[in-house]
Amino acid sequence: MRRTLLPLPVLAALPACAGAPAANADRSCFWASQASGFRPDGQDRALVRTGSRQWELTLAPGCPDIDWALAIGIGGRGGDRICPGRPAELILPEASGSGARRCLVRAIRPLPDREQSLSDSGPSSP
């Protein structure tokens, strides 16, 4: 089954967070448009691929079951940059094509190489 990731426009305006040096910040964030595939990982997690990296997104309680999603969208609330500690959401298009359900992402973390190699074949590509 093919699963695709849909890019999202800016969802809201929030101030940028100050913090880590730029090189470190670049490693711990990704642009929504860089996402090339996803795979559900249990009821409350999704793995997203960006190039050679994988990211674990932990979803808030009450999110719709993403096991059956053929496509998802991902967006930051305040920009198109997805970073740990910043609000983000998954958008799950309705099968009927008549809208989408939104799901808050509680936590985002890059998977270390050792965890990526343990996660089956990783998120599927479009």
C-alpha atoms as a PDB file:
ATOM      1  CA  MET A   1       0.000   0.000   0.000  1.00  0.00           C
ATOM      2  CA  ARG A   2       1.361   3.425  -0.956  1.00  0.00           C
ATOM      3  CA  ARG A   3       1.290   6.166   1.634  1.00  0.00           C
ATOM      4  CA  THR A   4       2.012   9.746   0.724  1.00  0.00           C
ATOM      5  CA  LEU A   5       2.676  12.906   2.657  1.00  0.00           C
ATOM      6  CA  LEU A   6       0.921  16.109   1.697  1.00  0.00           C
ATOM      7  CA  PRO A   7       2.639  19.475   2.386  1.00  0.00           C
ATOM      8  CA  LEU A   8       0.623  22.052   4.331  1.00  0.00           C
ATOM      9  CA  PRO A   9       0.572  25.839   4.264  1.00  0.00           C
ATOM     10  CA  VAL A  10       1.334  27.943   7.285  1.00  0.00           C
ATOM     11  CA  LEU A  11      -1.330  27.230   9.915  1.00  0.00           C
ATOM     12  CA  ALA A  12      -0.849  30.039  12.455  1.00  0.00           C
ATOM     13  CA  ALA A  13       1.615  32.744  13.420  1.00  0.00           C
ATOM     14  CA  LEU A  14       3.710  32.123  16.537  1.00  0.00           C
ATOM     15  CA  PRO A  15       6.979  33.758  17.536  1.00  0.00           C
ATOM     16  CA  ALA A  16      10.145  31.798  16.776  1.00  0.00           C
ATOM     17  CA  CYS A  17      11.801  30.166  19.748  1.00  0.00           C
ATOM     18  CA  ALA A  18      15.321  31.250  20.602  1.00  0.00           C
ATOM     19  CA  GLY A  19      17.749  28.621  21.750  1.00  0.00           C
ATOM     20  CA  ALA A  20      20.260  26.207  20.257  1.00  0.00           C
ATOM     21  CA  PRO A  21      22.953  27.252  17.816  1.00  0.00           C
ATOM     22  CA  ALA A  22      21.921  27.306  14.160  1.00  0.00           C
ATOM     23  CA  ALA A  23      23.820  24.134  13.181  1.00  0.00           C
ATOM     24  CA  ASN A  24      22.203  22.206  16.031  1.00  0.00           C
ATOM     25  CA  ALA A  25      18.782  23.670  15.241  1.00  0.00           C
ATOM     26  CA  ASP A  26      19.096  22.560  11.609  1.00  0.00           C
ATOM     27  CA  ARG A  27      19.738  18.970  12.744  1.00  0.00           C
ATOM     28  CA  SER A  28      16.775  18.910  15.134  1.00  0.00           C
ATOM     29  CA  CYS A  29      14.183  20.382  12.728  1.00  0.00           C
ATOM     30  CA  PHE A  30      12.864  19.666   9.263  1.00  0.00           C
ATOM     31  CA  TRP A  31      10.723  21.452   6.704  1.00  0.00           C
ATOM     32  CA  ALA A  32       7.283  19.910   6.127  1.00  0.00           C
ATOM     33  CA  SER A  33       8.042  19.868   2.392  1.00  0.00           C
ATOM     34  CA  GLN A  34      11.051  17.574   3.043  1.00  0.00           C
ATOM     35  CA  ALA A  35       8.827  14.765   4.329  1.00  0.00           C
ATOM     36  CA  SER A  36       8.729  11.959   1.787  1.00  0.00           C
ATOM     37  CA  GLY A  37       6.838   9.163   3.530  1.00  0.00           C
ATOM     38  CA  PHE A  38       5.276   7.961   6.744  1.00  0.00           C
ATOM     39  CA  ARG A  39       4.394   4.813   8.633  1.00  0.00           C
ATOM     40  CA  PRO A  40       2.062   4.398  11.613  1.00  0.00           C
ATOM     41  CA  ASP A  41       3.890   3.102  14.697  1.00  0.00           C
ATOM     42  CA  GLY A  42       1.154   2.058  17.099  1.00  0.00           C
ATOM     43  CA  GLN A  43      -1.983   4.024  17.952  1.00  0.00           C
ATOM     44  CA  ASP A  44      -0.250   7.174  19.133  1.00  0.00           C
ATOM     45  CA  ARG A  45       2.865   7.452  16.971  1.00  0.00           C
ATOM     46  CA  ALA A  46       3.872   7.985  13.366  1.00  0.00           C
ATOM     47  CA  LEU A  47       7.306   7.709  11.781  1.00  0.00           C
ATOM     48  CA  VAL A  48       8.051  10.316   9.124  1.00  0.00           C
ATOM     49  CA  ARG A  49      10.948  10.117   6.651  1.00  0.00           C
ATOM     50  CA  THR A  50      12.873  13.177   5.460  1.00  0.00           C
ATOM     51  CA  GLY A  51      15.653  12.123   3.131  1.00  0.00           C
ATOM     52  CA  SER A  52      17.814   9.657   5.056  1.00  0.00           C
ATOM     53  CA  ARG A  53      16.409  10.625   8.474  1.00  0.00           C
ATOM     54  CA  GLN A  54      13.373   9.413  10.358  1.00  0.00           C
ATOM     55  CA  TRP A  55      11.348  11.294  12.939  1.00  0.00           C
ATOM     56  CA  GLU A  56       9.007   9.935  15.592  1.00  0.00           C
ATOM     57  CA  LEU A  57       5.852  11.987  16.088  1.00  0.00           C
ATOM     58  CA  THR A  58       3.864  11.240  19.249  1.00  0.00           C
ATOM     59  CA  LEU A  59       0.201  12.115  18.806  1.00  0.00           C
ATOM     60  CA  ALA A  60      -2.189  13.585  21.377  1.00  0.00           C
ATOM     61  CA  PRO A  61      -4.925  11.334  22.800  1.00  0.00           C
ATOM     62  CA  GLY A  62      -8.094  11.124  20.736  1.00  0.00           C
ATOM     63  CA  CYS A  63      -6.393  11.226  17.352  1.00  0.00           C
ATOM     64  CA  PRO A  64      -8.064   9.247  14.601  1.00  0.00           C
ATOM     65  CA  ASP A  65      -6.542   5.879  13.788  1.00  0.00           C
ATOM     66  CA  ILE A  66      -3.774   6.544  11.259  1.00  0.00           C
ATOM     67  CA  ASP A  67      -3.266   2.853  10.453  1.00  0.00           C
ATOM     68  CA  TRP A  68      -5.667   3.176   7.529  1.00  0.00           C
ATOM     69  CA  ALA A  69      -4.478   6.542   6.233  1.00  0.00           C
ATOM     70  CA  LEU A  70      -3.180   6.463   2.663  1.00  0.00           C
ATOM     71  CA  ALA A  71      -1.871  10.018   2.951  1.00  0.00           C
ATOM     72  CA  ILE A  72      -1.233  12.526   5.706  1.00  0.00           C
ATOM     73  CA  GLY A  73      -0.272  16.148   5.843  1.00  0.00           C
ATOM     74  CA  ILE A  74       2.055  17.652   8.410  1.00  0.00           C
ATOM     75  CA  GLY A  75       2.389  21.264   9.364  1.00  0.00           C
ATOM     76  CA  GLY A  76       3.855  23.441  12.052  1.00  0.00           C
ATOM     77  CA  ARG A  77       1.605  25.832  13.882  1.00  0.00           C
ATOM     78  CA  GLY A  78       3.566  28.954  13.164  1.00  0.00           C
ATOM     79  CA  GLY A  79       5.428  27.991  10.036  1.00  0.00           C
ATOM     80  CA  ASP A  80       6.464  25.150   7.814  1.00  0.00           C
ATOM     81  CA  ARG A  81       9.433  24.206  10.030  1.00  0.00           C
ATOM     82  CA  ILE A  82       8.785  21.143  12.209  1.00  0.00           C
ATOM     83  CA  CYS A  83      10.856  21.159  15.414  1.00  0.00           C
ATOM     84  CA  PRO A  84      10.801  19.454  18.816  1.00  0.00           C
ATOM     85  CA  GLY A  85       9.100  21.711  21.347  1.00  0.00           C
ATOM     86  CA  ARG A  86       7.037  23.574  18.736  1.00  0.00           C
ATOM     87  CA  PRO A  87       3.368  22.838  18.043  1.00  0.00           C
ATOM     88  CA  ALA A  88       2.626  20.738  14.972  1.00  0.00           C
ATOM     89  CA  GLU A  89      -0.281  18.740  13.624  1.00  0.00           C
ATOM     90  CA  LEU A  90      -1.051  15.862  11.297  1.00  0.00           C
ATOM     91  CA  ILE A  91      -3.883  16.262   8.829  1.00  0.00           C
ATOM     92  CA  LEU A  92      -5.687  13.078   7.820  1.00  0.00           C
ATOM     93  CA  PRO A  93      -7.801  13.489   4.666  1.00  0.00           C
ATOM     94  CA  GLU A  94     -11.241  11.863   4.818  1.00  0.00           C
ATOM     95  CA  ALA A  95     -11.583   8.866   2.499  1.00  0.00           C
ATOM     96  CA  SER A  96     -14.590  10.567   0.896  1.00  0.00           C
ATOM     97  CA  GLY A  97     -12.421  13.539  -0.057  1.00  0.00           C
ATOM     98  CA  SER A  98     -14.784  15.894   1.747  1.00  0.00           C
ATOM     99  CA  GLY A  99     -12.407  17.307   4.320  1.00  0.00           C
ATOM    100  CA  ALA A 100      -9.761  16.284   6.802  1.00  0.00           C
ATOM    101  CA  ARG A 101      -9.305  15.608  10.495  1.00  0.00           C
ATOM    102  CA  ARG A 102      -6.556  17.345  12.432  1.00  0.00           C
ATOM    103  CA  CYS A 103      -4.446  15.681  15.065  1.00  0.00           C
ATOM    104  CA  LEU A 104      -2.155  17.518  17.489  1.00  0.00           C
ATOM    105  CA  VAL A 105       1.440  16.281  17.650  1.00  0.00           C
ATOM    106  CA  ARG A 106       2.555  16.195  21.309  1.00  0.00           C
ATOM    107  CA  ALA A 107       6.223  15.406  20.757  1.00  0.00           C
ATOM    108  CA  ILE A 108       8.717  15.218  17.894  1.00  0.00           C
ATOM    109  CA  ARG A 109      12.120  13.598  18.006  1.00  0.00           C
ATOM    110  CA  PRO A 110      14.676  12.551  15.415  1.00  0.00           C
ATOM    111  CA  LEU A 111      15.353   8.825  15.570  1.00  0.00           C
ATOM    112  CA  PRO A 112      18.995   7.939  16.172  1.00  0.00           C
ATOM    113  CA  ASP A 113      20.578   5.746  13.489  1.00  0.00           C
ATOM    114  CA  ARG A 114      20.426   2.665  15.732  1.00  0.00           C
ATOM    115  CA  GLU A 115      16.635   3.040  16.146  1.00  0.00           C
ATOM    116  CA  GLN A 116      16.126   3.651  12.430  1.00  0.00           C
ATOM    117  CA  SER A 117      17.766   0.351  11.572  1.00  0.00           C
ATOM    118  CA  LEU A 118      15.444  -1.456  14.011  1.00  0.00           C
ATOM    119  CA  SER A 119      12.222   0.001  12.619  1.00  0.00           C
ATOM    120  CA  ASP A 120      11.448  -2.519   9.848  1.00  0.00           C
ATOM    121  CA  SER A 121      12.030  -0.898   6.487  1.00  0.00           C
ATOM    122  CA  GLY A 122      11.104   2.571   7.739  1.00  0.00           C
ATOM    123  CA  PRO A 123       8.336   4.826   6.523  1.00  0.00           C
ATOM    124  CA  SER A 124       7.025   4.091   3.078  1.00  0.00           C
ATOM    125  CA  SER A 125       7.840   6.351   0.175  1.00  0.00           C
ATOM    126  CA  PRO A 126       5.267   7.954  -2.121  1.00  0.00           C
END
